[in-house]
Amino acid sequence: MELHILEHSLKVASIEKEGIQICTHGLIKLAFLASKTRCKFFSLTETPEDYTIIVDEEGFKELPQSEHISVADATWLALNVVSGGGNASNSQPIGVTKIAKSVIAPLADHNISVFMLSTYQTDFILVRERDLPMVMHTLSSEFTLLRVVNGETVAAHDLGVTNGFVKPKLVPRPIIHPLSSPSNLFCVTSLDPDTLPSVATLLMDVMFYSGGPKEPGASSEDSSHIRFFSFSLIEGYISLVMDEQTTQRFPNNVLFTSASGELWKMVRIGGQPLGFDECGIVAQISEPLATADIPAYYISTFKFDHALVPEENIQSVIGALRTKSTAQ
């Protein structure tokens, strides 16, 4: 398999809910007027806590400076696993289940923190730019390493790292963070960029104006629903993650969905903000899923992590993860 190191230099930031209004102009430009910017990598995810944005340096220029924006103190690079040498953006994701053993676990063993973004088209593993020599050293035996330069894929140059790394001591990774599963059912979908203008007003409403207080009289069973919506526009491809109710607001035949109409349940990881320096969180979750051969999408945000698994697997997933959380 090939591991592509994309050319985007990325920023990861949190926008507080109360600060979203001052950022809306720039975010709308990035999401809906991409031709007016030089941004090639843009992702915005809303959770109950905040908005997480992943954006390249050109896109970051569209955002105002504000006390409501917190930026992770590193530049990040996106890695992309491609099987068979194909174009990753034209195929369904390999998924964290498939890359857990070959990418995520080895990086965790070498104490390299990762930030995951699964999309409809592919899966991105974000690593700090300063960790790239160690990343390449760790994964070079399993992958053909390629870098994207000016849109062209070329062999990744050896960074001169040949020794000085201590072979990691492999240790069990018990799950140490609380897990929860909201009651929402989620869809992972996409749409043709050419149809984006026709649903732009609806998307703007979903992204920026639909997160208010619940309607009076909402049933108590809605209390475990959470607000979660993710929009990505990366190198011209759109990915959307939203709950089933939000999906129903879109016109028929606009969203791409699988023939099976598969729905996903979420596992939220973290009882308090996870931070960026702890290693192995993604591995803790993805390895048991890989062992059980359960497909999963994984979306890291500024404060929490989120795994999406098929609806029918949620009970066995929660059971397996909770068993691992008590293992010592």
C-alpha atoms as a PDB file:
ATOM      1  CA  MET A   1       0.000   0.000   0.000  1.00  0.00           C
ATOM      2  CA  GLU A   2       0.963   3.602  -0.500  1.00  0.00           C
ATOM      3  CA  LEU A   3       1.023   6.335   2.115  1.00  0.00           C
ATOM      4  CA  HIS A   4       0.597   9.774   0.586  1.00  0.00           C
ATOM      5  CA  ILE A   5       1.881  12.799   2.502  1.00  0.00           C
ATOM      6  CA  LEU A   6      -0.302  15.625   1.247  1.00  0.00           C
ATOM      7  CA  GLU A   7       1.185  19.035   0.577  1.00  0.00           C
ATOM      8  CA  HIS A   8      -1.251  21.009   2.716  1.00  0.00           C
ATOM      9  CA  SER A   9       0.077  22.706   5.853  1.00  0.00           C
ATOM     10  CA  LEU A  10      -2.919  22.561   8.165  1.00  0.00           C
ATOM     11  CA  LYS A  11      -4.185  24.453  11.177  1.00  0.00           C
ATOM     12  CA  VAL A  12      -6.557  22.902  13.708  1.00  0.00           C
ATOM     13  CA  ALA A  13      -8.682  25.382  15.633  1.00  0.00           C
ATOM     14  CA  SER A  14     -11.711  25.666  17.880  1.00  0.00           C
ATOM     15  CA  ILE A  15     -14.342  28.360  17.429  1.00  0.00           C
ATOM     16  CA  GLU A  16     -16.509  28.972  20.482  1.00  0.00           C
ATOM     17  CA  LYS A  17     -20.244  28.793  19.878  1.00  0.00           C
ATOM     18  CA  GLU A  18     -20.688  32.412  20.929  1.00  0.00           C
ATOM     19  CA  GLY A  19     -17.978  33.475  18.474  1.00  0.00           C
ATOM     20  CA  ILE A  20     -19.345  31.766  15.374  1.00  0.00           C
ATOM     21  CA  GLN A  21     -21.093  34.913  14.117  1.00  0.00           C
ATOM     22  CA  ILE A  22     -17.860  36.839  13.612  1.00  0.00           C
ATOM     23  CA  CYS A  23     -16.442  33.892  11.648  1.00  0.00           C
ATOM     24  CA  THR A  24     -19.482  33.139   9.504  1.00  0.00           C
ATOM     25  CA  HIS A  25     -18.450  35.358   6.586  1.00  0.00           C
ATOM     26  CA  GLY A  26     -15.075  33.619   6.228  1.00  0.00           C
ATOM     27  CA  LEU A  27     -16.540  30.151   6.751  1.00  0.00           C
ATOM     28  CA  ILE A  28     -19.226  30.694   4.116  1.00  0.00           C
ATOM     29  CA  LYS A  29     -16.565  31.861   1.685  1.00  0.00           C
ATOM     30  CA  LEU A  30     -14.494  28.718   2.364  1.00  0.00           C
ATOM     31  CA  ALA A  31     -17.460  26.341   2.106  1.00  0.00           C
ATOM     32  CA  PHE A  32     -19.499  27.857  -0.695  1.00  0.00           C
ATOM     33  CA  LEU A  33     -17.186  30.201  -2.619  1.00  0.00           C
ATOM     34  CA  ALA A  34     -14.077  28.059  -2.845  1.00  0.00           C
ATOM     35  CA  SER A  35     -13.202  29.537  -6.240  1.00  0.00           C
ATOM     36  CA  LYS A  36     -12.742  32.898  -4.486  1.00  0.00           C
ATOM     37  CA  THR A  37     -10.025  31.476  -2.232  1.00  0.00           C
ATOM     38  CA  ARG A  38      -6.859  29.424  -2.662  1.00  0.00           C
ATOM     39  CA  CYS A  39      -7.968  27.009   0.048  1.00  0.00           C
ATOM     40  CA  LYS A  40      -7.759  23.315  -0.875  1.00  0.00           C
ATOM     41  CA  PHE A  41      -8.450  21.685   2.505  1.00  0.00           C
ATOM     42  CA  PHE A  42     -11.391  22.789   4.655  1.00  0.00           C
ATOM     43  CA  SER A  43     -13.367  20.923   7.288  1.00  0.00           C
ATOM     44  CA  LEU A  44     -15.845  22.275   9.837  1.00  0.00           C
ATOM     45  CA  THR A  45     -17.408  20.089  12.527  1.00  0.00           C
ATOM     46  CA  GLU A  46     -19.975  21.270  15.053  1.00  0.00           C
ATOM     47  CA  THR A  47     -20.310  19.446  18.364  1.00  0.00           C
ATOM     48  CA  PRO A  48     -22.267  20.464  21.475  1.00  0.00           C
ATOM     49  CA  GLU A  49     -19.127  22.188  22.767  1.00  0.00           C
ATOM     50  CA  ASP A  50     -17.765  24.171  19.818  1.00  0.00           C
ATOM     51  CA  TYR A  51     -16.877  24.211  16.147  1.00  0.00           C
ATOM     52  CA  THR A  52     -13.649  22.511  15.078  1.00  0.00           C
ATOM     53  CA  ILE A  53     -12.030  23.758  11.903  1.00  0.00           C
ATOM     54  CA  ILE A  54      -9.235  22.060   9.969  1.00  0.00           C
ATOM     55  CA  VAL A  55      -7.975  24.307   7.211  1.00  0.00           C
ATOM     56  CA  ASP A  56      -4.856  24.934   5.195  1.00  0.00           C
ATOM     57  CA  GLU A  57      -2.841  28.103   5.643  1.00  0.00           C
ATOM     58  CA  GLU A  58      -4.520  29.859   2.722  1.00  0.00           C
ATOM     59  CA  GLY A  59      -7.942  29.132   4.155  1.00  0.00           C
ATOM     60  CA  PHE A  60      -6.910  30.223   7.637  1.00  0.00           C
ATOM     61  CA  LYS A  61      -6.301  33.720   6.256  1.00  0.00           C
ATOM     62  CA  GLU A  62     -10.061  34.032   5.679  1.00  0.00           C
ATOM     63  CA  LEU A  63     -10.772  33.902   9.416  1.00  0.00           C
ATOM     64  CA  PRO A  64     -10.570  36.953  11.678  1.00  0.00           C
ATOM     65  CA  GLN A  65      -8.325  37.127  14.695  1.00  0.00           C
ATOM     66  CA  SER A  66     -10.530  36.671  17.719  1.00  0.00           C
ATOM     67  CA  GLU A  67     -10.438  35.688  21.359  1.00  0.00           C
ATOM     68  CA  HIS A  68     -13.134  33.160  20.454  1.00  0.00           C
ATOM     69  CA  ILE A  69     -10.721  31.149  18.278  1.00  0.00           C
ATOM     70  CA  SER A  70      -8.187  28.772  19.853  1.00  0.00           C
ATOM     71  CA  VAL A  71      -5.523  27.333  17.555  1.00  0.00           C
ATOM     72  CA  ALA A  72      -3.555  24.169  18.255  1.00  0.00           C
ATOM     73  CA  ASP A  73       0.099  25.089  18.593  1.00  0.00           C
ATOM     74  CA  ALA A  74       1.438  23.094  15.661  1.00  0.00           C
ATOM     75  CA  THR A  75       1.294  22.818  11.910  1.00  0.00           C
ATOM     76  CA  TRP A  76      -0.262  19.522  10.826  1.00  0.00           C
ATOM     77  CA  LEU A  77       0.212  17.359   7.745  1.00  0.00           C
ATOM     78  CA  ALA A  78      -2.402  14.988   6.339  1.00  0.00           C
ATOM     79  CA  LEU A  79      -1.510  11.390   5.526  1.00  0.00           C
ATOM     80  CA  ASN A  80      -3.683   9.322   3.248  1.00  0.00           C
ATOM     81  CA  VAL A  81      -3.525   5.532   2.789  1.00  0.00           C
ATOM     82  CA  VAL A  82      -4.127   4.408  -0.783  1.00  0.00           C
ATOM     83  CA  SER A  83      -4.478   0.739  -1.660  1.00  0.00           C
ATOM     84  CA  GLY A  84      -3.606  -0.474  -5.115  1.00  0.00           C
ATOM     85  CA  GLY A  85      -2.194   2.857  -6.178  1.00  0.00           C
ATOM     86  CA  GLY A  86      -5.633   4.269  -6.953  1.00  0.00           C
ATOM     87  CA  ASN A  87      -6.925   7.747  -6.379  1.00  0.00           C
ATOM     88  CA  ALA A  88      -8.089   7.797  -2.785  1.00  0.00           C
ATOM     89  CA  SER A  89     -10.741  10.421  -3.456  1.00  0.00           C
ATOM     90  CA  ASN A  90     -12.598   8.159  -5.877  1.00  0.00           C
ATOM     91  CA  SER A  91     -13.159   5.227  -3.559  1.00  0.00           C
ATOM     92  CA  GLN A  92     -14.899   4.520  -0.297  1.00  0.00           C
ATOM     93  CA  PRO A  93     -12.755   4.906   2.816  1.00  0.00           C
ATOM     94  CA  ILE A  94     -10.382   2.177   3.862  1.00  0.00           C
ATOM     95  CA  GLY A  95     -11.466   3.217   7.322  1.00  0.00           C
ATOM     96  CA  VAL A  96      -9.785   3.223  10.686  1.00  0.00           C
ATOM     97  CA  THR A  97     -10.569  -0.478  10.994  1.00  0.00           C
ATOM     98  CA  LYS A  98      -8.247  -1.255   8.105  1.00  0.00           C
ATOM     99  CA  ILE A  99      -5.486   1.204   8.963  1.00  0.00           C
ATOM    100  CA  ALA A 100      -5.485   0.607  12.708  1.00  0.00           C
ATOM    101  CA  LYS A 101      -2.808  -2.073  12.726  1.00  0.00           C
ATOM    102  CA  SER A 102      -0.639  -0.693   9.938  1.00  0.00           C
ATOM    103  CA  VAL A 103      -0.679   3.048  10.697  1.00  0.00           C
ATOM    104  CA  ILE A 104      -2.430   4.109  13.877  1.00  0.00           C
ATOM    105  CA  ALA A 105      -1.035   1.496  16.261  1.00  0.00           C
ATOM    106  CA  PRO A 106       2.621   1.859  15.138  1.00  0.00           C
ATOM    107  CA  LEU A 107       2.427   5.637  15.503  1.00  0.00           C
ATOM    108  CA  ALA A 108       0.948   5.250  18.982  1.00  0.00           C
ATOM    109  CA  ASP A 109       3.751   2.805  19.861  1.00  0.00           C
ATOM    110  CA  HIS A 110       6.245   5.528  18.912  1.00  0.00           C
ATOM    111  CA  ASN A 111       4.400   8.102  21.017  1.00  0.00           C
ATOM    112  CA  ILE A 112       3.186  10.074  17.981  1.00  0.00           C
ATOM    113  CA  SER A 113      -0.130  11.829  18.478  1.00  0.00           C
ATOM    114  CA  VAL A 114      -2.604  11.712  15.580  1.00  0.00           C
ATOM    115  CA  PHE A 115      -5.764  13.618  14.707  1.00  0.00           C
ATOM    116  CA  MET A 116      -8.257  11.691  12.561  1.00  0.00           C
ATOM    117  CA  LEU A 117     -10.677  12.932   9.935  1.00  0.00           C
ATOM    118  CA  SER A 118     -12.754  10.318   8.146  1.00  0.00           C
ATOM    119  CA  THR A 119     -14.754  11.589   5.174  1.00  0.00           C
ATOM    120  CA  TYR A 120     -17.151   9.994   2.696  1.00  0.00           C
ATOM    121  CA  GLN A 121     -14.291   9.629   0.217  1.00  0.00           C
ATOM    122  CA  THR A 122     -11.258   8.723   2.306  1.00  0.00           C
ATOM    123  CA  ASP A 123      -9.546   8.882   5.691  1.00  0.00           C
ATOM    124  CA  PHE A 124      -6.959  11.473   6.700  1.00  0.00           C
ATOM    125  CA  ILE A 125      -4.460  10.877   9.496  1.00  0.00           C
ATOM    126  CA  LEU A 126      -3.119  14.231  10.663  1.00  0.00           C
ATOM    127  CA  VAL A 127       0.315  14.344  12.295  1.00  0.00           C
ATOM    128  CA  ARG A 128       2.356  17.280  13.488  1.00  0.00           C
ATOM    129  CA  GLU A 129       4.809  18.483  10.869  1.00  0.00           C
ATOM    130  CA  ARG A 130       7.653  18.209  13.371  1.00  0.00           C
ATOM    131  CA  ASP A 131       6.861  14.491  13.816  1.00  0.00           C
ATOM    132  CA  LEU A 132       7.188  13.695  10.108  1.00  0.00           C
ATOM    133  CA  PRO A 133      10.732  12.225  10.292  1.00  0.00           C
ATOM    134  CA  MET A 134       9.586   9.803  12.978  1.00  0.00           C
ATOM    135  CA  VAL A 135       6.385   9.029  11.079  1.00  0.00           C
ATOM    136  CA  MET A 136       8.337   8.139   7.944  1.00  0.00           C
ATOM    137  CA  HIS A 137      10.821   6.071   9.909  1.00  0.00           C
ATOM    138  CA  THR A 138       7.987   4.191  11.614  1.00  0.00           C
ATOM    139  CA  LEU A 139       5.912   3.434   8.518  1.00  0.00           C
ATOM    140  CA  SER A 140       8.523   3.028   5.793  1.00  0.00           C
ATOM    141  CA  SER A 141       8.699  -0.749   6.191  1.00  0.00           C
ATOM    142  CA  GLU A 142       4.952  -1.174   5.627  1.00  0.00           C
ATOM    143  CA  PHE A 143       4.247   1.473   2.994  1.00  0.00           C
ATOM    144  CA  THR A 144       5.572   3.053  -0.139  1.00  0.00           C
ATOM    145  CA  LEU A 145       5.937   6.648   1.054  1.00  0.00           C
ATOM    146  CA  LEU A 146       4.969   9.344  -1.445  1.00  0.00           C
ATOM    147  CA  ARG A 147       4.702  13.114  -1.147  1.00  0.00           C
ATOM    148  CA  VAL A 148       2.345  15.331  -3.098  1.00  0.00           C
ATOM    149  CA  VAL A 149       4.239  18.318  -4.527  1.00  0.00           C
ATOM    150  CA  ASN A 150       2.429  20.865  -6.679  1.00  0.00           C
ATOM    151  CA  GLY A 151      -0.311  18.326  -7.256  1.00  0.00           C
ATOM    152  CA  GLU A 152       2.088  15.627  -8.438  1.00  0.00           C
ATOM    153  CA  THR A 153       2.850  12.468  -6.462  1.00  0.00           C
ATOM    154  CA  VAL A 154       6.572  11.826  -6.079  1.00  0.00           C
ATOM    155  CA  ALA A 155       8.707   9.571  -3.938  1.00  0.00           C
ATOM    156  CA  ALA A 156       9.157  10.917  -0.437  1.00  0.00           C
ATOM    157  CA  HIS A 157      12.752  11.912   0.105  1.00  0.00           C
ATOM    158  CA  ASP A 158      14.604  10.266   2.935  1.00  0.00           C
ATOM    159  CA  LEU A 159      14.781  12.809   5.720  1.00  0.00           C
ATOM    160  CA  GLY A 160      18.133  11.465   6.823  1.00  0.00           C
ATOM    161  CA  VAL A 161      16.731   9.606   9.798  1.00  0.00           C
ATOM    162  CA  THR A 162      18.449   6.253   9.977  1.00  0.00           C
ATOM    163  CA  ASN A 163      19.203   5.704  13.615  1.00  0.00           C
ATOM    164  CA  GLY A 164      18.763   7.118  17.052  1.00  0.00           C
ATOM    165  CA  PHE A 165      15.254   5.755  17.510  1.00  0.00           C
ATOM    166  CA  VAL A 166      14.668   3.311  20.301  1.00  0.00           C
ATOM    167  CA  LYS A 167      12.549   0.329  19.370  1.00  0.00           C
ATOM    168  CA  PRO A 168       9.237   0.891  21.136  1.00  0.00           C
ATOM    169  CA  LYS A 169       8.124  -1.302  23.954  1.00  0.00           C
ATOM    170  CA  LEU A 170       4.699  -2.585  22.982  1.00  0.00           C
ATOM    171  CA  VAL A 171       2.239  -2.237  25.830  1.00  0.00           C
ATOM    172  CA  PRO A 172      -1.506  -2.847  26.121  1.00  0.00           C
ATOM    173  CA  ARG A 173      -3.696   0.185  25.541  1.00  0.00           C
ATOM    174  CA  PRO A 174      -6.632   0.074  27.951  1.00  0.00           C
ATOM    175  CA  ILE A 175      -9.308   2.659  27.279  1.00  0.00           C
ATOM    176  CA  ILE A 176      -9.019   5.286  29.979  1.00  0.00           C
ATOM    177  CA  HIS A 177     -11.564   7.853  28.809  1.00  0.00           C
ATOM    178  CA  PRO A 178     -15.324   7.737  29.395  1.00  0.00           C
ATOM    179  CA  LEU A 179     -17.466   6.539  26.501  1.00  0.00           C
ATOM    180  CA  SER A 180     -20.994   7.563  25.609  1.00  0.00           C
ATOM    181  CA  SER A 181     -23.333   6.818  22.730  1.00  0.00           C
ATOM    182  CA  PRO A 182     -25.952   9.442  21.829  1.00  0.00           C
ATOM    183  CA  SER A 183     -29.313   8.271  20.552  1.00  0.00           C
ATOM    184  CA  ASN A 184     -28.929   9.886  17.109  1.00  0.00           C
ATOM    185  CA  LEU A 185     -28.567   7.807  13.985  1.00  0.00           C
ATOM    186  CA  PHE A 186     -26.025   9.330  11.577  1.00  0.00           C
ATOM    187  CA  CYS A 187     -25.461   9.346   7.844  1.00  0.00           C
ATOM    188  CA  VAL A 188     -22.094   9.719   6.135  1.00  0.00           C
ATOM    189  CA  THR A 189     -22.772  11.157   2.731  1.00  0.00           C
ATOM    190  CA  SER A 190     -21.679  13.523  -0.021  1.00  0.00           C
ATOM    191  CA  LEU A 191     -23.030  15.631  -2.824  1.00  0.00           C
ATOM    192  CA  ASP A 192     -21.901  16.732  -6.242  1.00  0.00           C
ATOM    193  CA  PRO A 193     -20.115  20.124  -5.964  1.00  0.00           C
ATOM    194  CA  ASP A 194     -22.171  21.276  -8.951  1.00  0.00           C
ATOM    195  CA  THR A 195     -25.338  20.912  -6.868  1.00  0.00           C
ATOM    196  CA  LEU A 196     -23.920  22.839  -3.911  1.00  0.00           C
ATOM    197  CA  PRO A 197     -25.484  26.186  -4.960  1.00  0.00           C
ATOM    198  CA  SER A 198     -28.942  24.624  -5.036  1.00  0.00           C
ATOM    199  CA  VAL A 199     -28.740  23.585  -1.369  1.00  0.00           C
ATOM    200  CA  ALA A 200     -26.485  26.382  -0.107  1.00  0.00           C
ATOM    201  CA  THR A 201     -29.246  28.162   1.837  1.00  0.00           C
ATOM    202  CA  LEU A 202     -30.266  24.910   3.529  1.00  0.00           C
ATOM    203  CA  LEU A 203     -26.659  24.028   4.336  1.00  0.00           C
ATOM    204  CA  MET A 204     -26.004  27.463   5.810  1.00  0.00           C
ATOM    205  CA  ASP A 205     -29.048  27.046   8.033  1.00  0.00           C
ATOM    206  CA  VAL A 206     -27.883  23.613   9.178  1.00  0.00           C
ATOM    207  CA  MET A 207     -24.294  24.742   9.748  1.00  0.00           C
ATOM    208  CA  PHE A 208     -24.893  28.032  11.540  1.00  0.00           C
ATOM    209  CA  TYR A 209     -28.509  28.552  12.570  1.00  0.00           C
ATOM    210  CA  SER A 210     -30.051  25.215  13.584  1.00  0.00           C
ATOM    211  CA  GLY A 211     -28.262  24.685  16.872  1.00  0.00           C
ATOM    212  CA  GLY A 212     -30.543  26.712  19.093  1.00  0.00           C
ATOM    213  CA  PRO A 213     -32.597  25.558  22.077  1.00  0.00           C
ATOM    214  CA  LYS A 214     -34.888  22.605  21.564  1.00  0.00           C
ATOM    215  CA  GLU A 215     -38.458  23.312  20.632  1.00  0.00           C
ATOM    216  CA  PRO A 216     -40.855  23.618  23.578  1.00  0.00           C
ATOM    217  CA  GLY A 217     -42.484  20.313  24.321  1.00  0.00           C
ATOM    218  CA  ALA A 218     -39.682  18.219  22.857  1.00  0.00           C
ATOM    219  CA  SER A 219     -40.014  14.671  24.123  1.00  0.00           C
ATOM    220  CA  SER A 220     -37.726  13.508  26.884  1.00  0.00           C
ATOM    221  CA  GLU A 221     -36.321  10.788  24.654  1.00  0.00           C
ATOM    222  CA  ASP A 222     -34.617  13.542  22.647  1.00  0.00           C
ATOM    223  CA  SER A 223     -32.452  14.463  25.606  1.00  0.00           C
ATOM    224  CA  SER A 224     -29.694  12.057  24.574  1.00  0.00           C
ATOM    225  CA  HIS A 225     -29.496  13.492  21.056  1.00  0.00           C
ATOM    226  CA  ILE A 226     -26.428  15.605  20.480  1.00  0.00           C
ATOM    227  CA  ARG A 227     -25.668  18.349  18.022  1.00  0.00           C
ATOM    228  CA  PHE A 228     -23.139  17.000  15.502  1.00  0.00           C
ATOM    229  CA  PHE A 229     -22.629  18.103  11.920  1.00  0.00           C
ATOM    230  CA  SER A 230     -19.501  17.896   9.798  1.00  0.00           C
ATOM    231  CA  PHE A 231     -18.830  19.497   6.408  1.00  0.00           C
ATOM    232  CA  SER A 232     -15.601  18.974   4.486  1.00  0.00           C
ATOM    233  CA  LEU A 233     -14.506  20.388   1.143  1.00  0.00           C
ATOM    234  CA  ILE A 234     -11.136  18.865   0.399  1.00  0.00           C
ATOM    235  CA  GLU A 235      -9.523  19.109  -3.026  1.00  0.00           C
ATOM    236  CA  GLY A 236     -12.940  19.571  -4.616  1.00  0.00           C
ATOM    237  CA  TYR A 237     -14.700  16.674  -2.856  1.00  0.00           C
ATOM    238  CA  ILE A 238     -17.533  17.293  -0.413  1.00  0.00           C
ATOM    239  CA  SER A 239     -18.245  15.106   2.619  1.00  0.00           C
ATOM    240  CA  LEU A 240     -21.112  15.464   5.070  1.00  0.00           C
ATOM    241  CA  VAL A 241     -21.827  13.754   8.380  1.00  0.00           C
ATOM    242  CA  MET A 242     -25.213  14.521   9.912  1.00  0.00           C
ATOM    243  CA  ASP A 243     -27.953  12.844  11.873  1.00  0.00           C
ATOM    244  CA  GLU A 244     -30.882  11.175  10.172  1.00  0.00           C
ATOM    245  CA  GLN A 245     -33.322  13.991  10.930  1.00  0.00           C
ATOM    246  CA  THR A 246     -31.061  16.558   9.273  1.00  0.00           C
ATOM    247  CA  THR A 247     -30.670  14.333   6.215  1.00  0.00           C
ATOM    248  CA  GLN A 248     -34.438  14.351   5.742  1.00  0.00           C
ATOM    249  CA  ARG A 249     -34.359  18.119   5.245  1.00  0.00           C
ATOM    250  CA  PHE A 250     -32.515  17.702   1.950  1.00  0.00           C
ATOM    251  CA  PRO A 251     -34.293  17.165  -1.379  1.00  0.00           C
ATOM    252  CA  ASN A 252     -34.452  13.637  -2.702  1.00  0.00           C
ATOM    253  CA  ASN A 253     -31.552  12.482  -4.880  1.00  0.00           C
ATOM    254  CA  VAL A 254     -29.234  15.313  -3.804  1.00  0.00           C
ATOM    255  CA  LEU A 255     -27.158  13.362  -1.301  1.00  0.00           C
ATOM    256  CA  PHE A 256     -25.096  10.329  -2.225  1.00  0.00           C
ATOM    257  CA  THR A 257     -26.069   7.369  -0.085  1.00  0.00           C
ATOM    258  CA  SER A 258     -25.163   3.722  -0.213  1.00  0.00           C
ATOM    259  CA  ALA A 259     -27.634   1.288  -1.757  1.00  0.00           C
ATOM    260  CA  SER A 260     -28.193  -0.219   1.681  1.00  0.00           C
ATOM    261  CA  GLY A 261     -29.019   3.158   3.190  1.00  0.00           C
ATOM    262  CA  GLU A 262     -26.667   2.342   6.025  1.00  0.00           C
ATOM    263  CA  LEU A 263     -27.034   4.282   9.252  1.00  0.00           C
ATOM    264  CA  TRP A 264     -24.333   4.747  11.849  1.00  0.00           C
ATOM    265  CA  LYS A 265     -24.249   5.091  15.624  1.00  0.00           C
ATOM    266  CA  MET A 266     -21.696   7.212  17.423  1.00  0.00           C
ATOM    267  CA  VAL A 267     -19.327   6.496  20.269  1.00  0.00           C
ATOM    268  CA  ARG A 268     -18.084   9.718  21.877  1.00  0.00           C
ATOM    269  CA  ILE A 269     -14.719   9.483  23.624  1.00  0.00           C
ATOM    270  CA  GLY A 270     -13.796  11.785  26.504  1.00  0.00           C
ATOM    271  CA  GLY A 271     -15.388  13.117  29.656  1.00  0.00           C
ATOM    272  CA  GLN A 272     -13.384  16.332  29.457  1.00  0.00           C
ATOM    273  CA  PRO A 273     -11.329  17.889  26.644  1.00  0.00           C
ATOM    274  CA  LEU A 274      -8.704  15.409  25.486  1.00  0.00           C
ATOM    275  CA  GLY A 275      -5.983  17.816  24.406  1.00  0.00           C
ATOM    276  CA  PHE A 276      -3.418  17.178  21.695  1.00  0.00           C
ATOM    277  CA  ASP A 277      -0.456  15.692  23.524  1.00  0.00           C
ATOM    278  CA  GLU A 278      -1.880  12.383  24.663  1.00  0.00           C
ATOM    279  CA  CYS A 279      -1.018   9.527  22.317  1.00  0.00           C
ATOM    280  CA  GLY A 280      -2.892   6.343  21.566  1.00  0.00           C
ATOM    281  CA  ILE A 281      -6.514   7.463  21.947  1.00  0.00           C
ATOM    282  CA  VAL A 282      -7.401   6.580  18.355  1.00  0.00           C
ATOM    283  CA  ALA A 283      -5.500   3.301  18.695  1.00  0.00           C
ATOM    284  CA  GLN A 284      -7.388   2.432  21.888  1.00  0.00           C
ATOM    285  CA  ILE A 285     -10.659   2.597  19.997  1.00  0.00           C
ATOM    286  CA  SER A 286      -9.650   1.424  16.526  1.00  0.00           C
ATOM    287  CA  GLU A 287      -7.716  -1.701  17.491  1.00  0.00           C
ATOM    288  CA  PRO A 288     -10.687  -3.540  19.084  1.00  0.00           C
ATOM    289  CA  LEU A 289     -12.829  -2.600  16.065  1.00  0.00           C
ATOM    290  CA  ALA A 290     -10.153  -3.903  13.711  1.00  0.00           C
ATOM    291  CA  THR A 291      -9.927  -7.143  15.666  1.00  0.00           C
ATOM    292  CA  ALA A 292     -13.709  -7.566  15.372  1.00  0.00           C
ATOM    293  CA  ASP A 293     -13.638  -6.482  11.699  1.00  0.00           C
ATOM    294  CA  ILE A 294     -16.204  -3.740  12.350  1.00  0.00           C
ATOM    295  CA  PRO A 295     -16.004  -0.820   9.892  1.00  0.00           C
ATOM    296  CA  ALA A 296     -15.758   2.640  11.400  1.00  0.00           C
ATOM    297  CA  TYR A 297     -15.378   6.286  10.594  1.00  0.00           C
ATOM    298  CA  TYR A 298     -13.415   8.372  13.093  1.00  0.00           C
ATOM    299  CA  ILE A 299     -13.594  12.143  13.520  1.00  0.00           C
ATOM    300  CA  SER A 300     -11.354  13.925  16.010  1.00  0.00           C
ATOM    301  CA  THR A 301     -12.428  17.361  17.171  1.00  0.00           C
ATOM    302  CA  PHE A 302     -10.686  19.977  19.258  1.00  0.00           C
ATOM    303  CA  LYS A 303     -12.106  18.626  22.518  1.00  0.00           C
ATOM    304  CA  PHE A 304     -13.450  15.101  21.933  1.00  0.00           C
ATOM    305  CA  ASP A 305     -13.180  12.135  19.574  1.00  0.00           C
ATOM    306  CA  HIS A 306     -16.030  10.434  17.735  1.00  0.00           C
ATOM    307  CA  ALA A 307     -16.243   6.964  16.190  1.00  0.00           C
ATOM    308  CA  LEU A 308     -19.115   6.003  13.910  1.00  0.00           C
ATOM    309  CA  VAL A 309     -19.976   2.315  13.608  1.00  0.00           C
ATOM    310  CA  PRO A 310     -22.831   0.506  11.812  1.00  0.00           C
ATOM    311  CA  GLU A 311     -26.093   0.729  13.732  1.00  0.00           C
ATOM    312  CA  GLU A 312     -26.349  -3.027  14.155  1.00  0.00           C
ATOM    313  CA  ASN A 313     -22.898  -3.241  15.760  1.00  0.00           C
ATOM    314  CA  ILE A 314     -23.255  -0.574  18.438  1.00  0.00           C
ATOM    315  CA  GLN A 315     -24.028  -2.885  21.370  1.00  0.00           C
ATOM    316  CA  SER A 316     -21.148  -5.236  20.654  1.00  0.00           C
ATOM    317  CA  VAL A 317     -18.822  -2.250  20.105  1.00  0.00           C
ATOM    318  CA  ILE A 318     -19.764  -0.614  23.406  1.00  0.00           C
ATOM    319  CA  GLY A 319     -19.382  -3.970  25.168  1.00  0.00           C
ATOM    320  CA  ALA A 320     -15.959  -4.611  23.672  1.00  0.00           C
ATOM    321  CA  LEU A 321     -14.695  -1.097  24.420  1.00  0.00           C
ATOM    322  CA  ARG A 322     -15.985  -1.106  27.983  1.00  0.00           C
ATOM    323  CA  THR A 323     -14.388  -4.488  28.566  1.00  0.00           C
ATOM    324  CA  LYS A 324     -11.114  -3.021  27.351  1.00  0.00           C
ATOM    325  CA  SER A 325     -11.557   0.034  29.560  1.00  0.00           C
ATOM    326  CA  THR A 326     -11.479  -2.210  32.639  1.00  0.00           C
ATOM    327  CA  ALA A 327      -8.530  -4.273  31.453  1.00  0.00           C
ATOM    328  CA  GLN A 328      -5.243  -3.571  33.175  1.00  0.00           C
END
